[in-house]
Amino acid sequence: MRQETRFEGSLSYVTTGDLKLAVNAALTLQRPLLIKGEPGTGKTMLAEEVAAALGMPLLQWHIKSTTKAQQGLYEYDAVSRLRDSQLGDERVKVIGNYIVKGVLWQAFAADQQVVLLIDEIDKADIEFPNDLLRELDRMEFYVYETREMVKAKHRPLVIITSNNEKELPDAFLRRCFFHYIKFPDRDTMEQIVAVHFPNLKRELLAKALEVFYQIREVSGLKKKPSTSELLDWLKLLLAEDIPPEALRSQDDKTIVPPLHGALLKNEQDINLFERLVFMSRTNR
């Protein structure tokens, strides 16, 4: 009897129990796993870690505003065929020479089960998810130019990420197992930091996390700093040998943190934080 494939996490990616449960539910149900969450919460990295942990190849389809669903299946290169016909190339007699296989076709044709990442699906046109319903549901599609039906040899584990830039169609949502990655609390964040900086001094970590979460709580920020930005900031603090006491004033009042450009990404947010720091000083 075949042993069921299960995801139990990895050493390089801190995985909560409910996230592992979501991945395994998608495997059991053989449905796409739709992952939402703030930018920087590790949605894309999840697919990479799942593929590595399960020993599966990873195929990635990064969606842009101009991406069409058809591109994931295949594209017919009519321009190249016309050019070759003008040059008298014998290849023009076989139309299959001008069919460019998309990521879904590659996933369907793979000799073993793969992890297929459809990254940031909400960037595409609103019709994009609906255009993939049949293919993701039935695991097959028809190539009109060559009159062939492409069927999946093995149903891929499809992981779809979304930053919630736009609502996804109900018909598409019904076919997915959904999980929202909550922003890490302080304890989970310490575990994440430990993976990347195992020798980081406790005092520096404590001060840095205090400042980081304080900034995230500021009302009115256009872009709250994410996990990836915290890791960048810590890397800079270590590179510049910034001491823990430089992150707070001597009387423990809030200050604009050194190298804050790693955390705050636009002028409006920097000005807002600076005003709040000034107000907190004058009110004490």
C-alpha atoms as a PDB file:
ATOM      1  CA  MET A   1       0.000   0.000   0.000  1.00  0.00           C
ATOM      2  CA  ARG A   2       1.401   3.418  -0.945  1.00  0.00           C
ATOM      3  CA  GLN A   3       2.415   5.571   2.000  1.00  0.00           C
ATOM      4  CA  GLU A   4       0.661   8.928   2.033  1.00  0.00           C
ATOM      5  CA  THR A   5       2.826  11.984   1.399  1.00  0.00           C
ATOM      6  CA  ARG A   6       2.752  14.425   4.287  1.00  0.00           C
ATOM      7  CA  PHE A   7       4.447  17.753   4.915  1.00  0.00           C
ATOM      8  CA  GLU A   8       6.035  17.990   8.359  1.00  0.00           C
ATOM      9  CA  GLY A   9       7.868  21.283   7.939  1.00  0.00           C
ATOM     10  CA  SER A  10      11.555  21.980   7.332  1.00  0.00           C
ATOM     11  CA  LEU A  11      14.564  23.203   9.273  1.00  0.00           C
ATOM     12  CA  SER A  12      14.914  26.383   7.201  1.00  0.00           C
ATOM     13  CA  TYR A  13      11.262  27.500   7.330  1.00  0.00           C
ATOM     14  CA  VAL A  14       9.309  28.021  10.541  1.00  0.00           C
ATOM     15  CA  THR A  15       5.938  26.389   9.953  1.00  0.00           C
ATOM     16  CA  THR A  16       2.975  26.717  12.318  1.00  0.00           C
ATOM     17  CA  GLY A  17       0.778  23.714  13.006  1.00  0.00           C
ATOM     18  CA  ASP A  18      -2.195  25.133  11.133  1.00  0.00           C
ATOM     19  CA  LEU A  19      -0.055  25.825   8.051  1.00  0.00           C
ATOM     20  CA  LYS A  20       1.229  22.240   7.976  1.00  0.00           C
ATOM     21  CA  LEU A  21      -2.365  21.091   8.371  1.00  0.00           C
ATOM     22  CA  ALA A  22      -3.407  23.235   5.380  1.00  0.00           C
ATOM     23  CA  VAL A  23      -0.681  21.796   3.129  1.00  0.00           C
ATOM     24  CA  ASN A  24      -1.607  18.238   4.060  1.00  0.00           C
ATOM     25  CA  ALA A  25      -5.317  18.966   3.581  1.00  0.00           C
ATOM     26  CA  ALA A  26      -4.611  20.154   0.034  1.00  0.00           C
ATOM     27  CA  LEU A  27      -2.607  16.965  -0.594  1.00  0.00           C
ATOM     28  CA  THR A  28      -5.421  14.776   0.749  1.00  0.00           C
ATOM     29  CA  LEU A  29      -8.216  16.590  -1.074  1.00  0.00           C
ATOM     30  CA  GLN A  30      -6.124  16.961  -4.246  1.00  0.00           C
ATOM     31  CA  ARG A  31      -7.178  20.585  -4.468  1.00  0.00           C
ATOM     32  CA  PRO A  32      -5.121  23.749  -5.007  1.00  0.00           C
ATOM     33  CA  LEU A  33      -3.903  25.399  -1.804  1.00  0.00           C
ATOM     34  CA  LEU A  34      -4.727  29.111  -1.847  1.00  0.00           C
ATOM     35  CA  ILE A  35      -2.424  31.061   0.467  1.00  0.00           C
ATOM     36  CA  LYS A  36      -3.128  34.655   1.441  1.00  0.00           C
ATOM     37  CA  GLY A  37      -1.301  36.947   3.823  1.00  0.00           C
ATOM     38  CA  GLU A  38       0.645  40.184   4.057  1.00  0.00           C
ATOM     39  CA  PRO A  39       3.550  40.608   1.635  1.00  0.00           C
ATOM     40  CA  GLY A  40       6.701  39.238   3.227  1.00  0.00           C
ATOM     41  CA  THR A  41       5.027  36.500   5.297  1.00  0.00           C
ATOM     42  CA  GLY A  42       6.694  33.692   3.343  1.00  0.00           C
ATOM     43  CA  LYS A  43       3.938  32.646   0.942  1.00  0.00           C
ATOM     44  CA  THR A  44       6.242  32.081  -2.015  1.00  0.00           C
ATOM     45  CA  MET A  45       8.916  30.485   0.149  1.00  0.00           C
ATOM     46  CA  LEU A  46       6.327  27.998   1.414  1.00  0.00           C
ATOM     47  CA  ALA A  47       6.097  26.390  -2.035  1.00  0.00           C
ATOM     48  CA  GLU A  48       9.883  26.129  -2.211  1.00  0.00           C
ATOM     49  CA  GLU A  49      10.087  24.499   1.215  1.00  0.00           C
ATOM     50  CA  VAL A  50       7.201  22.094   0.563  1.00  0.00           C
ATOM     51  CA  ALA A  51       8.833  20.947  -2.681  1.00  0.00           C
ATOM     52  CA  ALA A  52      12.190  20.430  -0.970  1.00  0.00           C
ATOM     53  CA  ALA A  53      10.685  18.626   2.032  1.00  0.00           C
ATOM     54  CA  LEU A  54       8.591  16.281  -0.122  1.00  0.00           C
ATOM     55  CA  GLY A  55      11.347  15.681  -2.658  1.00  0.00           C
ATOM     56  CA  MET A  56       9.279  17.061  -5.537  1.00  0.00           C
ATOM     57  CA  PRO A  57      10.435  19.313  -8.403  1.00  0.00           C
ATOM     58  CA  LEU A  58       9.168  22.893  -8.176  1.00  0.00           C
ATOM     59  CA  LEU A  59       7.674  24.708 -11.158  1.00  0.00           C
ATOM     60  CA  GLN A  60       6.956  28.405 -10.732  1.00  0.00           C
ATOM     61  CA  TRP A  61       4.575  30.688 -12.603  1.00  0.00           C
ATOM     62  CA  HIS A  62       4.963  34.296 -11.452  1.00  0.00           C
ATOM     63  CA  ILE A  63       1.887  36.251 -12.488  1.00  0.00           C
ATOM     64  CA  LYS A  64       1.977  39.797 -13.861  1.00  0.00           C
ATOM     65  CA  SER A  65      -0.813  42.221 -14.734  1.00  0.00           C
ATOM     66  CA  THR A  66      -0.462  41.226 -18.403  1.00  0.00           C
ATOM     67  CA  THR A  67      -0.392  37.439 -17.841  1.00  0.00           C
ATOM     68  CA  LYS A  68      -3.093  35.402 -19.572  1.00  0.00           C
ATOM     69  CA  ALA A  69      -4.244  31.948 -18.524  1.00  0.00           C
ATOM     70  CA  GLN A  70      -3.467  30.548 -21.976  1.00  0.00           C
ATOM     71  CA  GLN A  71       0.233  31.247 -21.400  1.00  0.00           C
ATOM     72  CA  GLY A  72       0.251  28.673 -18.618  1.00  0.00           C
ATOM     73  CA  LEU A  73      -1.022  26.020 -21.020  1.00  0.00           C
ATOM     74  CA  TYR A  74       0.823  26.768 -24.251  1.00  0.00           C
ATOM     75  CA  GLU A  75       1.397  29.425 -26.893  1.00  0.00           C
ATOM     76  CA  TYR A  76       1.393  29.005 -30.650  1.00  0.00           C
ATOM     77  CA  ASP A  77       4.304  30.891 -32.210  1.00  0.00           C
ATOM     78  CA  ALA A  78       2.697  31.826 -35.529  1.00  0.00           C
ATOM     79  CA  VAL A  79       5.279  34.544 -36.235  1.00  0.00           C
ATOM     80  CA  SER A  80       8.181  32.078 -36.186  1.00  0.00           C
ATOM     81  CA  ARG A  81       6.264  29.673 -38.405  1.00  0.00           C
ATOM     82  CA  LEU A  82       5.550  32.402 -40.941  1.00  0.00           C
ATOM     83  CA  ARG A  83       9.194  33.462 -40.975  1.00  0.00           C
ATOM     84  CA  ASP A  84      10.376  29.859 -41.427  1.00  0.00           C
ATOM     85  CA  SER A  85       7.886  29.326 -44.264  1.00  0.00           C
ATOM     86  CA  GLN A  86       9.306  32.352 -46.071  1.00  0.00           C
ATOM     87  CA  LEU A  87      12.783  30.857 -45.677  1.00  0.00           C
ATOM     88  CA  GLY A  88      11.645  27.452 -46.946  1.00  0.00           C
ATOM     89  CA  ASP A  89      12.348  25.691 -43.645  1.00  0.00           C
ATOM     90  CA  GLU A  90      11.015  22.119 -43.544  1.00  0.00           C
ATOM     91  CA  ARG A  91      10.006  22.556 -39.891  1.00  0.00           C
ATOM     92  CA  VAL A  92       6.864  24.409 -40.937  1.00  0.00           C
ATOM     93  CA  LYS A  93       5.255  21.117 -41.985  1.00  0.00           C
ATOM     94  CA  VAL A  94       4.976  20.054 -38.321  1.00  0.00           C
ATOM     95  CA  ILE A  95       2.888  22.556 -36.396  1.00  0.00           C
ATOM     96  CA  GLY A  96       4.032  21.068 -33.105  1.00  0.00           C
ATOM     97  CA  ASN A  97       7.437  22.653 -33.691  1.00  0.00           C
ATOM     98  CA  TYR A  98       5.805  26.006 -32.976  1.00  0.00           C
ATOM     99  CA  ILE A  99       3.928  25.073 -29.816  1.00  0.00           C
ATOM    100  CA  VAL A 100       5.622  26.524 -26.724  1.00  0.00           C
ATOM    101  CA  LYS A 101       4.679  24.549 -23.619  1.00  0.00           C
ATOM    102  CA  GLY A 102       3.559  26.560 -20.605  1.00  0.00           C
ATOM    103  CA  VAL A 103       4.169  25.814 -16.939  1.00  0.00           C
ATOM    104  CA  LEU A 104       0.913  23.856 -16.531  1.00  0.00           C
ATOM    105  CA  TRP A 105       1.758  21.651 -19.509  1.00  0.00           C
ATOM    106  CA  GLN A 106       5.202  21.001 -18.011  1.00  0.00           C
ATOM    107  CA  ALA A 107       3.593  20.086 -14.684  1.00  0.00           C
ATOM    108  CA  PHE A 108       1.087  17.758 -16.365  1.00  0.00           C
ATOM    109  CA  ALA A 109       3.777  16.062 -18.460  1.00  0.00           C
ATOM    110  CA  ALA A 110       6.223  15.520 -15.581  1.00  0.00           C
ATOM    111  CA  ASP A 111       7.110  11.900 -14.843  1.00  0.00           C
ATOM    112  CA  GLN A 112       6.665  12.491 -11.107  1.00  0.00           C
ATOM    113  CA  GLN A 113       4.396  14.648  -8.981  1.00  0.00           C
ATOM    114  CA  VAL A 114       5.555  18.253  -8.832  1.00  0.00           C
ATOM    115  CA  VAL A 115       4.750  21.317  -6.759  1.00  0.00           C
ATOM    116  CA  LEU A 116       3.292  23.997  -9.036  1.00  0.00           C
ATOM    117  CA  LEU A 117       3.451  27.550  -7.679  1.00  0.00           C
ATOM    118  CA  ILE A 118       1.079  30.116  -9.195  1.00  0.00           C
ATOM    119  CA  ASP A 119       2.459  33.219  -7.527  1.00  0.00           C
ATOM    120  CA  GLU A 120       0.437  36.404  -6.875  1.00  0.00           C
ATOM    121  CA  ILE A 121      -2.628  35.384  -8.851  1.00  0.00           C
ATOM    122  CA  ASP A 122      -4.410  38.575  -7.816  1.00  0.00           C
ATOM    123  CA  LYS A 123      -2.099  40.646 -10.043  1.00  0.00           C
ATOM    124  CA  ALA A 124      -3.773  39.311 -13.183  1.00  0.00           C
ATOM    125  CA  ASP A 125      -7.061  40.279 -14.793  1.00  0.00           C
ATOM    126  CA  ILE A 126     -10.195  39.285 -12.831  1.00  0.00           C
ATOM    127  CA  GLU A 127     -11.029  36.642 -15.453  1.00  0.00           C
ATOM    128  CA  PHE A 128      -7.669  34.909 -15.073  1.00  0.00           C
ATOM    129  CA  PRO A 129      -8.694  32.528 -12.233  1.00  0.00           C
ATOM    130  CA  ASN A 130     -11.939  31.559 -13.986  1.00  0.00           C
ATOM    131  CA  ASP A 131     -10.023  30.801 -17.172  1.00  0.00           C
ATOM    132  CA  LEU A 132      -8.076  28.120 -15.284  1.00  0.00           C
ATOM    133  CA  LEU A 133     -11.043  26.453 -13.559  1.00  0.00           C
ATOM    134  CA  ARG A 134     -11.441  23.524 -15.940  1.00  0.00           C
ATOM    135  CA  GLU A 135      -7.717  22.825 -16.258  1.00  0.00           C
ATOM    136  CA  LEU A 136      -7.099  22.839 -12.495  1.00  0.00           C
ATOM    137  CA  ASP A 137     -10.254  20.826 -11.861  1.00  0.00           C
ATOM    138  CA  ARG A 138      -9.937  18.125 -14.522  1.00  0.00           C
ATOM    139  CA  MET A 139      -6.172  18.229 -14.902  1.00  0.00           C
ATOM    140  CA  GLU A 140      -6.401  18.266 -18.686  1.00  0.00           C
ATOM    141  CA  PHE A 141      -6.671  20.668 -21.603  1.00  0.00           C
ATOM    142  CA  TYR A 142      -7.049  20.521 -25.375  1.00  0.00           C
ATOM    143  CA  VAL A 143      -4.462  21.781 -27.870  1.00  0.00           C
ATOM    144  CA  TYR A 144      -6.483  22.950 -30.865  1.00  0.00           C
ATOM    145  CA  GLU A 145      -3.539  23.391 -33.228  1.00  0.00           C
ATOM    146  CA  THR A 146      -2.382  19.774 -32.892  1.00  0.00           C
ATOM    147  CA  ARG A 147      -5.752  18.271 -31.924  1.00  0.00           C
ATOM    148  CA  GLU A 148      -4.392  16.541 -28.838  1.00  0.00           C
ATOM    149  CA  MET A 149      -5.634  16.265 -25.273  1.00  0.00           C
ATOM    150  CA  VAL A 150      -2.956  16.848 -22.644  1.00  0.00           C
ATOM    151  CA  LYS A 151      -3.719  14.993 -19.407  1.00  0.00           C
ATOM    152  CA  ALA A 152      -1.726  15.124 -16.188  1.00  0.00           C
ATOM    153  CA  LYS A 153       0.390  12.027 -15.560  1.00  0.00           C
ATOM    154  CA  HIS A 154       0.401  12.936 -11.872  1.00  0.00           C
ATOM    155  CA  ARG A 155      -1.811  15.560 -10.229  1.00  0.00           C
ATOM    156  CA  PRO A 156       0.554  18.342  -9.115  1.00  0.00           C
ATOM    157  CA  LEU A 157       0.311  19.960  -5.723  1.00  0.00           C
ATOM    158  CA  VAL A 158      -0.818  23.432  -6.769  1.00  0.00           C
ATOM    159  CA  ILE A 159       0.037  26.278  -4.382  1.00  0.00           C
ATOM    160  CA  ILE A 160      -1.507  29.643  -5.277  1.00  0.00           C
ATOM    161  CA  THR A 161      -0.536  32.849  -3.509  1.00  0.00           C
ATOM    162  CA  SER A 162      -2.456  36.116  -3.280  1.00  0.00           C
ATOM    163  CA  ASN A 163      -1.720  39.472  -1.638  1.00  0.00           C
ATOM    164  CA  ASN A 164      -5.441  40.298  -1.570  1.00  0.00           C
ATOM    165  CA  GLU A 165      -5.079  43.087  -4.150  1.00  0.00           C
ATOM    166  CA  LYS A 166      -8.431  42.049  -5.604  1.00  0.00           C
ATOM    167  CA  GLU A 167     -11.200  39.580  -4.780  1.00  0.00           C
ATOM    168  CA  LEU A 168     -11.056  36.174  -6.435  1.00  0.00           C
ATOM    169  CA  PRO A 169     -14.191  34.652  -8.053  1.00  0.00           C
ATOM    170  CA  ASP A 170     -16.401  32.436  -5.872  1.00  0.00           C
ATOM    171  CA  ALA A 171     -16.264  29.587  -8.395  1.00  0.00           C
ATOM    172  CA  PHE A 172     -12.484  29.594  -8.134  1.00  0.00           C
ATOM    173  CA  LEU A 173     -12.485  29.787  -4.323  1.00  0.00           C
ATOM    174  CA  ARG A 174     -14.796  26.773  -4.089  1.00  0.00           C
ATOM    175  CA  ARG A 175     -12.166  24.630  -5.763  1.00  0.00           C
ATOM    176  CA  CYS A 176      -9.352  25.603  -3.378  1.00  0.00           C
ATOM    177  CA  PHE A 177      -8.361  24.828   0.175  1.00  0.00           C
ATOM    178  CA  PHE A 178      -7.788  28.232   1.757  1.00  0.00           C
ATOM    179  CA  HIS A 179      -5.286  29.312   4.404  1.00  0.00           C
ATOM    180  CA  TYR A 180      -4.406  32.786   5.648  1.00  0.00           C
ATOM    181  CA  ILE A 181      -0.874  33.175   7.010  1.00  0.00           C
ATOM    182  CA  LYS A 182      -1.169  35.422  10.044  1.00  0.00           C
ATOM    183  CA  PHE A 183       1.651  37.814  10.699  1.00  0.00           C
ATOM    184  CA  PRO A 184       4.071  36.119  13.127  1.00  0.00           C
ATOM    185  CA  ASP A 185       3.736  36.964  16.792  1.00  0.00           C
ATOM    186  CA  ARG A 186       6.868  37.779  18.766  1.00  0.00           C
ATOM    187  CA  ASP A 187       7.637  34.182  19.796  1.00  0.00           C
ATOM    188  CA  THR A 188       7.254  32.887  16.234  1.00  0.00           C
ATOM    189  CA  MET A 189       9.329  35.775  14.915  1.00  0.00           C
ATOM    190  CA  GLU A 190      12.138  34.868  17.318  1.00  0.00           C
ATOM    191  CA  GLN A 191      12.143  31.362  15.854  1.00  0.00           C
ATOM    192  CA  ILE A 192      12.275  32.781  12.322  1.00  0.00           C
ATOM    193  CA  VAL A 193      15.169  35.085  13.218  1.00  0.00           C
ATOM    194  CA  ALA A 194      17.006  32.198  14.879  1.00  0.00           C
ATOM    195  CA  VAL A 195      16.959  30.267  11.601  1.00  0.00           C
ATOM    196  CA  HIS A 196      18.706  33.131   9.802  1.00  0.00           C
ATOM    197  CA  PHE A 197      20.856  34.516  12.642  1.00  0.00           C
ATOM    198  CA  PRO A 198      21.507  31.676  15.110  1.00  0.00           C
ATOM    199  CA  ASN A 199      24.254  33.595  16.939  1.00  0.00           C
ATOM    200  CA  LEU A 200      22.397  36.893  17.344  1.00  0.00           C
ATOM    201  CA  LYS A 201      22.769  38.294  20.850  1.00  0.00           C
ATOM    202  CA  ARG A 202      19.581  38.174  22.903  1.00  0.00           C
ATOM    203  CA  GLU A 203      19.771  41.829  23.945  1.00  0.00           C
ATOM    204  CA  LEU A 204      20.013  43.063  20.356  1.00  0.00           C
ATOM    205  CA  LEU A 205      17.189  40.764  19.266  1.00  0.00           C
ATOM    206  CA  ALA A 206      14.938  41.932  22.110  1.00  0.00           C
ATOM    207  CA  LYS A 207      15.525  45.623  21.346  1.00  0.00           C
ATOM    208  CA  ALA A 208      15.151  45.132  17.602  1.00  0.00           C
ATOM    209  CA  LEU A 209      11.872  43.241  17.931  1.00  0.00           C
ATOM    210  CA  GLU A 210      10.557  45.888  20.331  1.00  0.00           C
ATOM    211  CA  VAL A 211      11.258  48.622  17.776  1.00  0.00           C
ATOM    212  CA  PHE A 212       9.983  46.501  14.862  1.00  0.00           C
ATOM    213  CA  TYR A 213       6.589  45.734  16.410  1.00  0.00           C
ATOM    214  CA  GLN A 214       6.266  49.303  17.659  1.00  0.00           C
ATOM    215  CA  ILE A 215       6.659  50.567  14.090  1.00  0.00           C
ATOM    216  CA  ARG A 216       4.101  48.035  12.818  1.00  0.00           C
ATOM    217  CA  GLU A 217       1.575  49.340  15.350  1.00  0.00           C
ATOM    218  CA  VAL A 218       1.825  52.915  14.067  1.00  0.00           C
ATOM    219  CA  SER A 219      -1.556  53.893  12.689  1.00  0.00           C
ATOM    220  CA  GLY A 220      -1.565  55.317   9.181  1.00  0.00           C
ATOM    221  CA  LEU A 221       1.478  53.581   7.696  1.00  0.00           C
ATOM    222  CA  LYS A 222       1.118  52.933   3.968  1.00  0.00           C
ATOM    223  CA  LYS A 223       3.348  49.876   4.207  1.00  0.00           C
ATOM    224  CA  LYS A 224       4.049  48.079   7.450  1.00  0.00           C
ATOM    225  CA  PRO A 225       7.487  46.447   7.639  1.00  0.00           C
ATOM    226  CA  SER A 226       7.361  42.705   6.984  1.00  0.00           C
ATOM    227  CA  THR A 227       9.394  39.702   8.093  1.00  0.00           C
ATOM    228  CA  SER A 228      11.773  39.990   5.159  1.00  0.00           C
ATOM    229  CA  GLU A 229      12.406  43.654   5.987  1.00  0.00           C
ATOM    230  CA  LEU A 230      13.122  42.791   9.625  1.00  0.00           C
ATOM    231  CA  LEU A 231      15.704  40.245   8.481  1.00  0.00           C
ATOM    232  CA  ASP A 232      17.301  42.826   6.174  1.00  0.00           C
ATOM    233  CA  TRP A 233      17.431  45.328   9.038  1.00  0.00           C
ATOM    234  CA  LEU A 234      19.039  42.823  11.423  1.00  0.00           C
ATOM    235  CA  LYS A 235      21.623  41.959   8.764  1.00  0.00           C
ATOM    236  CA  LEU A 236      22.526  45.659   8.476  1.00  0.00           C
ATOM    237  CA  LEU A 237      22.649  46.135  12.250  1.00  0.00           C
ATOM    238  CA  LEU A 238      25.128  43.265  12.475  1.00  0.00           C
ATOM    239  CA  ALA A 239      27.165  44.446   9.488  1.00  0.00           C
ATOM    240  CA  GLU A 240      27.474  47.952  10.950  1.00  0.00           C
ATOM    241  CA  ASP A 241      27.983  46.585  14.485  1.00  0.00           C
ATOM    242  CA  ILE A 242      25.138  48.716  15.862  1.00  0.00           C
ATOM    243  CA  PRO A 243      24.848  48.182  19.664  1.00  0.00           C
ATOM    244  CA  PRO A 244      21.448  47.430  21.280  1.00  0.00           C
ATOM    245  CA  GLU A 245      21.444  50.730  23.179  1.00  0.00           C
ATOM    246  CA  ALA A 246      21.472  52.629  19.870  1.00  0.00           C
ATOM    247  CA  LEU A 247      17.944  51.405  19.194  1.00  0.00           C
ATOM    248  CA  ARG A 248      16.489  53.288  22.171  1.00  0.00           C
ATOM    249  CA  SER A 249      17.432  56.504  23.975  1.00  0.00           C
ATOM    250  CA  GLN A 250      19.057  56.454  27.425  1.00  0.00           C
ATOM    251  CA  ASP A 251      15.719  57.135  29.122  1.00  0.00           C
ATOM    252  CA  ASP A 252      14.132  54.383  26.971  1.00  0.00           C
ATOM    253  CA  LYS A 253      12.187  56.866  24.845  1.00  0.00           C
ATOM    254  CA  THR A 254      11.343  56.069  21.246  1.00  0.00           C
ATOM    255  CA  ILE A 255      13.853  57.234  18.643  1.00  0.00           C
ATOM    256  CA  VAL A 256      14.055  56.968  14.876  1.00  0.00           C
ATOM    257  CA  PRO A 257      15.964  53.683  14.558  1.00  0.00           C
ATOM    258  CA  PRO A 258      19.313  53.556  12.755  1.00  0.00           C
ATOM    259  CA  LEU A 259      19.172  52.222   9.190  1.00  0.00           C
ATOM    260  CA  HIS A 260      15.389  52.684   9.229  1.00  0.00           C
ATOM    261  CA  GLY A 261      15.383  52.656   5.421  1.00  0.00           C
ATOM    262  CA  ALA A 262      15.292  48.862   5.634  1.00  0.00           C
ATOM    263  CA  LEU A 263      11.984  49.039   7.532  1.00  0.00           C
ATOM    264  CA  LEU A 264      10.174  52.111   6.208  1.00  0.00           C
ATOM    265  CA  LYS A 265       9.907  52.188   2.441  1.00  0.00           C
ATOM    266  CA  ASN A 266       8.435  55.567   1.563  1.00  0.00           C
ATOM    267  CA  GLU A 267       8.822  59.192   2.580  1.00  0.00           C
ATOM    268  CA  GLN A 268       5.288  59.482   3.955  1.00  0.00           C
ATOM    269  CA  ASP A 269       5.820  56.668   6.459  1.00  0.00           C
ATOM    270  CA  ILE A 270       9.207  58.042   7.537  1.00  0.00           C
ATOM    271  CA  ASN A 271       7.719  61.518   8.131  1.00  0.00           C
ATOM    272  CA  LEU A 272       4.795  60.025  10.033  1.00  0.00           C
ATOM    273  CA  PHE A 273       7.074  58.053  12.332  1.00  0.00           C
ATOM    274  CA  GLU A 274       9.368  61.026  12.902  1.00  0.00           C
ATOM    275  CA  ARG A 275       6.376  63.175  13.900  1.00  0.00           C
ATOM    276  CA  LEU A 276       5.185  60.517  16.363  1.00  0.00           C
ATOM    277  CA  VAL A 277       8.676  60.298  17.891  1.00  0.00           C
ATOM    278  CA  PHE A 278       8.778  64.085  18.288  1.00  0.00           C
ATOM    279  CA  MET A 279       5.304  64.124  19.858  1.00  0.00           C
ATOM    280  CA  SER A 280       6.172  61.334  22.302  1.00  0.00           C
ATOM    281  CA  ARG A 281       9.231  63.278  23.454  1.00  0.00           C
ATOM    282  CA  THR A 282       7.406  66.576  23.961  1.00  0.00           C
ATOM    283  CA  ASN A 283       4.552  64.887  25.887  1.00  0.00           C
ATOM    284  CA  ARG A 284       6.869  63.340  28.472  1.00  0.00           C
END
